[in-house]
Amino acid sequence: MDRLALILVIVGALNWLLVGLFQWDLVAALFNGESSFLSRVVYSLVGLAGLYCISLLFRERSSAQ
């Protein structure tokens, strides 16, 4: 679950990078506009993954031995 959440957060970060640098929204381009159902699903999943990743900040690190 951690990896899936991290992948979604990375996708969201790369999309925001494209928006910031080139004013081009990859998700909207792939799914026919930012208000389409699939775009909204992707945006929602990325947002939920971001919220889930907050928990990673507060977890104890386990040492591999």
C-alpha atoms as a PDB file:
ATOM      1  CA  MET A   1       0.000   0.000   0.000  1.00  0.00           C
ATOM      2  CA  ASP A   2       2.877   2.356   0.789  1.00  0.00           C
ATOM      3  CA  ARG A   3       4.406   1.904  -2.658  1.00  0.00           C
ATOM      4  CA  LEU A   4       1.115   2.449  -4.466  1.00  0.00           C
ATOM      5  CA  ALA A   5       0.499   5.630  -2.496  1.00  0.00           C
ATOM      6  CA  LEU A   6       4.026   6.830  -3.196  1.00  0.00           C
ATOM      7  CA  ILE A   7       3.649   6.128  -6.931  1.00  0.00           C
ATOM      8  CA  LEU A   8       0.415   8.132  -7.037  1.00  0.00           C
ATOM      9  CA  VAL A   9       2.023  11.017  -5.161  1.00  0.00           C
ATOM     10  CA  ILE A  10       4.933  11.004  -7.615  1.00  0.00           C
ATOM     11  CA  VAL A  11       2.499  11.050 -10.556  1.00  0.00           C
ATOM     12  CA  GLY A  12       0.749  14.022  -8.974  1.00  0.00           C
ATOM     13  CA  ALA A  13       4.038  15.813  -8.358  1.00  0.00           C
ATOM     14  CA  LEU A  14       5.146  15.297 -11.954  1.00  0.00           C
ATOM     15  CA  ASN A  15       1.794  16.575 -13.191  1.00  0.00           C
ATOM     16  CA  TRP A  16       2.160  19.707 -11.060  1.00  0.00           C
ATOM     17  CA  LEU A  17       5.692  20.165 -12.404  1.00  0.00           C
ATOM     18  CA  LEU A  18       4.313  20.116 -15.948  1.00  0.00           C
ATOM     19  CA  VAL A  19       1.587  22.589 -14.980  1.00  0.00           C
ATOM     20  CA  GLY A  20       4.107  24.891 -13.331  1.00  0.00           C
ATOM     21  CA  LEU A  21       6.697  24.840 -16.095  1.00  0.00           C
ATOM     22  CA  PHE A  22       4.605  24.492 -19.235  1.00  0.00           C
ATOM     23  CA  GLN A  23       1.011  25.208 -18.156  1.00  0.00           C
ATOM     24  CA  TRP A  24       0.122  21.739 -19.437  1.00  0.00           C
ATOM     25  CA  ASP A  25      -1.947  19.293 -17.392  1.00  0.00           C
ATOM     26  CA  LEU A  26      -1.022  15.732 -18.397  1.00  0.00           C
ATOM     27  CA  VAL A  27      -3.988  14.151 -16.607  1.00  0.00           C
ATOM     28  CA  ALA A  28      -6.437  16.493 -18.317  1.00  0.00           C
ATOM     29  CA  ALA A  29      -4.748  15.858 -21.671  1.00  0.00           C
ATOM     30  CA  LEU A  30      -5.019  12.086 -21.246  1.00  0.00           C
ATOM     31  CA  PHE A  31      -8.634  12.056 -20.100  1.00  0.00           C
ATOM     32  CA  ASN A  32     -10.309  14.775 -22.214  1.00  0.00           C
ATOM     33  CA  GLY A  33     -10.286  17.713 -19.830  1.00  0.00           C
ATOM     34  CA  GLU A  34      -9.842  18.392 -16.165  1.00  0.00           C
ATOM     35  CA  SER A  35     -13.556  18.106 -15.413  1.00  0.00           C
ATOM     36  CA  SER A  36     -14.018  14.676 -17.007  1.00  0.00           C
ATOM     37  CA  PHE A  37     -14.938  11.798 -14.739  1.00  0.00           C
ATOM     38  CA  LEU A  38     -11.640   9.937 -15.216  1.00  0.00           C
ATOM     39  CA  SER A  39      -9.571  13.053 -14.553  1.00  0.00           C
ATOM     40  CA  ARG A  40     -11.493  13.673 -11.352  1.00  0.00           C
ATOM     41  CA  VAL A  41     -10.914  10.047 -10.312  1.00  0.00           C
ATOM     42  CA  VAL A  42      -7.155  10.381 -10.897  1.00  0.00           C
ATOM     43  CA  TYR A  43      -7.006  13.714  -9.043  1.00  0.00           C
ATOM     44  CA  SER A  44      -8.959  12.188  -6.144  1.00  0.00           C
ATOM     45  CA  LEU A  45      -6.722   9.113  -5.958  1.00  0.00           C
ATOM     46  CA  VAL A  46      -3.604  11.289  -5.967  1.00  0.00           C
ATOM     47  CA  GLY A  47      -5.067  13.443  -3.196  1.00  0.00           C
ATOM     48  CA  LEU A  48      -5.999  10.421  -1.092  1.00  0.00           C
ATOM     49  CA  ALA A  49      -2.526   8.976  -1.642  1.00  0.00           C
ATOM     50  CA  GLY A  50      -1.034  12.262  -0.438  1.00  0.00           C
ATOM     51  CA  LEU A  51      -3.114  12.110   2.720  1.00  0.00           C
ATOM     52  CA  TYR A  52      -2.060   8.494   3.266  1.00  0.00           C
ATOM     53  CA  CYS A  53       1.614   9.436   2.823  1.00  0.00           C
ATOM     54  CA  ILE A  54       1.337  11.843   5.751  1.00  0.00           C
ATOM     55  CA  SER A  55       1.300   8.728   7.929  1.00  0.00           C
ATOM     56  CA  LEU A  56       4.747   7.828   6.590  1.00  0.00           C
ATOM     57  CA  LEU A  57       6.164  10.879   8.361  1.00  0.00           C
ATOM     58  CA  PHE A  58       5.113   9.593  11.760  1.00  0.00           C
ATOM     59  CA  ARG A  59       5.997   5.908  11.486  1.00  0.00           C
ATOM     60  CA  GLU A  60       8.861   4.410  13.398  1.00  0.00           C
ATOM     61  CA  ARG A  61      11.668   3.266  11.185  1.00  0.00           C
ATOM     62  CA  SER A  62      12.539  -0.376  11.519  1.00  0.00           C
ATOM     63  CA  SER A  63      16.171  -1.368  11.269  1.00  0.00           C
ATOM     64  CA  ALA A  64      16.925  -4.247   8.918  1.00  0.00           C
ATOM     65  CA  GLN A  65      19.227  -6.777  10.541  1.00  0.00           C
END
